[in-house]
Amino acid sequence: MDRDFVERRDDGFYLVGSRVPLDCVVREFREGQSPEAIRSDFPTLSLEQVYGAITFYLGHKNQVDDDMAARERVEDAFSDVHPAPPDLKEKLERARRQSQTPQP
C-alpha cells in the first residue's frame, strides 16, 4: 500500500501530519546526514517519514530544488530590506551560554 509522506501547502512542501518543512530534511540530507541522524534532529518524525521525505525528494528533485531556491531568494530579499540588528548574534550567544550555566 502506498503512503504519502509529503504534501504541498500554500508556502511549500511539508511532511504529512507535521509542521516540518521538507526543506529542513533535504538540507540535512544534502549535507550527508543519515536518515537516522535526521530523525534524531526531528523527534516528532518517524524514521519511516524521514525515508519517505528523502524518497519524495529524489523523485521530485528538480521541483523541490526550484521551490527551495525560490524560497531562499524571498528570504534573502527580506533580509536585505530588514537586516538583523548588528548585536543580535552576540545577544543570542550570551543568552545561550547563560541558559547552559547551572543555576545555584
Protein backbone atom coordinates (compact mmCIF):
# COMPACT_ATOMS: atom_id res chain seq x y z
CA MET A 1 0.00 0.00 0.00
CA ASP A 2 1.43 3.40 -0.99
CA ARG A 3 1.61 6.11 1.62
CA ASP A 4 2.09 9.81 1.02
CA PHE A 5 4.77 11.35 3.20
CA VAL A 6 4.91 14.84 1.68
CA GLU A 7 2.17 17.31 0.90
CA ARG A 8 2.11 20.65 -0.87
CA ARG A 9 0.81 23.57 1.19
CA ASP A 10 0.49 27.22 0.25
CA ASP A 11 4.05 28.02 1.22
CA GLY A 12 5.88 24.85 0.21
CA PHE A 13 6.27 21.13 0.85
CA TYR A 14 5.75 19.66 4.32
CA LEU A 15 5.85 16.20 5.84
CA VAL A 16 2.29 14.94 6.21
CA GLY A 17 0.92 15.25 9.72
CA SER A 18 3.67 17.59 10.87
CA ARG A 19 4.86 21.16 10.73
CA VAL A 20 8.28 20.09 9.44
CA PRO A 21 9.09 21.60 6.04
CA LEU A 22 10.62 19.24 3.51
CA ASP A 23 13.41 21.83 3.11
CA CYS A 24 14.74 21.00 6.58
CA VAL A 25 15.07 17.30 5.85
CA VAL A 26 16.53 17.94 2.38
CA ARG A 27 19.19 20.34 3.69
CA GLU A 28 20.42 17.78 6.18
CA PHE A 29 20.31 15.03 3.54
CA ARG A 30 22.39 17.21 1.18
CA GLU A 31 24.91 17.76 3.99
CA GLY A 32 25.40 13.99 4.16
CA GLN A 33 23.37 13.24 7.27
CA SER A 34 21.97 9.74 7.56
CA PRO A 35 18.20 9.24 7.88
CA GLU A 36 18.80 8.17 11.49
CA ALA A 37 20.69 11.40 12.24
CA ILE A 38 17.98 13.47 10.57
CA ARG A 39 15.37 11.62 12.63
CA SER A 40 17.20 12.49 15.84
CA ASP A 41 17.07 16.18 14.89
CA PHE A 42 13.30 15.99 14.36
CA PRO A 43 11.90 13.86 17.19
CA THR A 44 8.30 14.36 16.03
CA LEU A 45 9.08 12.41 12.85
CA SER A 46 9.34 8.67 12.48
CA LEU A 47 12.22 7.08 10.61
CA GLU A 48 9.68 5.99 8.01
CA GLN A 49 8.66 9.63 7.46
CA VAL A 50 12.30 10.67 7.01
CA TYR A 51 12.90 7.93 4.45
CA GLY A 52 9.62 8.88 2.75
CA ALA A 53 10.71 12.52 2.58
CA ILE A 54 14.07 11.59 1.07
CA THR A 55 12.39 9.29 -1.44
CA PHE A 56 9.98 12.07 -2.41
CA TYR A 57 12.89 14.50 -2.81
CA LEU A 58 14.84 12.11 -5.02
CA GLY A 59 11.77 11.50 -7.19
CA HIS A 60 10.92 15.22 -7.49
CA LYS A 61 14.39 16.71 -7.21
CA ASN A 62 14.03 19.46 -9.82
CA GLN A 63 10.69 20.65 -8.46
CA VAL A 64 11.87 20.64 -4.83
CA ASP A 65 15.19 22.30 -5.69
CA ASP A 66 13.37 25.03 -7.64
CA ASP A 67 10.95 25.56 -4.75
CA MET A 68 13.79 25.79 -2.24
CA ALA A 69 15.74 28.22 -4.44
CA ALA A 70 12.67 30.46 -4.79
CA ARG A 71 12.14 30.46 -1.02
CA GLU A 72 15.82 31.34 -0.46
CA ARG A 73 15.51 34.28 -2.86
CA VAL A 74 12.49 35.57 -0.91
CA GLU A 75 14.35 35.14 2.39
CA ASP A 76 17.41 36.95 1.00
CA ALA A 77 15.26 39.81 -0.28
CA PHE A 78 13.58 40.10 3.13
CA SER A 79 16.96 40.10 4.89
CA ASP A 80 18.19 42.84 2.57
CA VAL A 81 15.21 45.03 3.46
CA HIS A 82 15.07 44.04 7.15
CA PRO A 83 18.64 43.31 8.31
CA ALA A 84 19.15 41.79 11.74
CA PRO A 85 20.47 44.18 14.38
CA PRO A 86 24.29 44.01 14.42
CA ASP A 87 24.43 42.88 18.04
CA LEU A 88 21.72 40.21 17.72
CA LYS A 89 24.14 37.30 17.23
CA GLU A 90 26.12 38.36 20.31
CA LYS A 91 22.94 38.65 22.42
CA LEU A 92 21.72 35.23 21.31
CA GLU A 93 25.09 33.65 22.05
CA ARG A 94 25.18 35.26 25.51
CA ALA A 95 21.64 34.03 26.24
CA ARG A 96 22.58 30.52 25.08
CA ARG A 97 25.62 30.47 27.38
CA GLN A 98 23.56 31.73 30.32
CA SER A 99 20.90 29.09 29.75
CA GLN A 100 23.57 26.39 29.87
CA THR A 101 25.14 27.70 33.08
CA PRO A 102 23.94 25.78 36.14
CA GLN A 103 21.88 27.97 38.44
CA PRO A 104 22.53 27.76 42.24
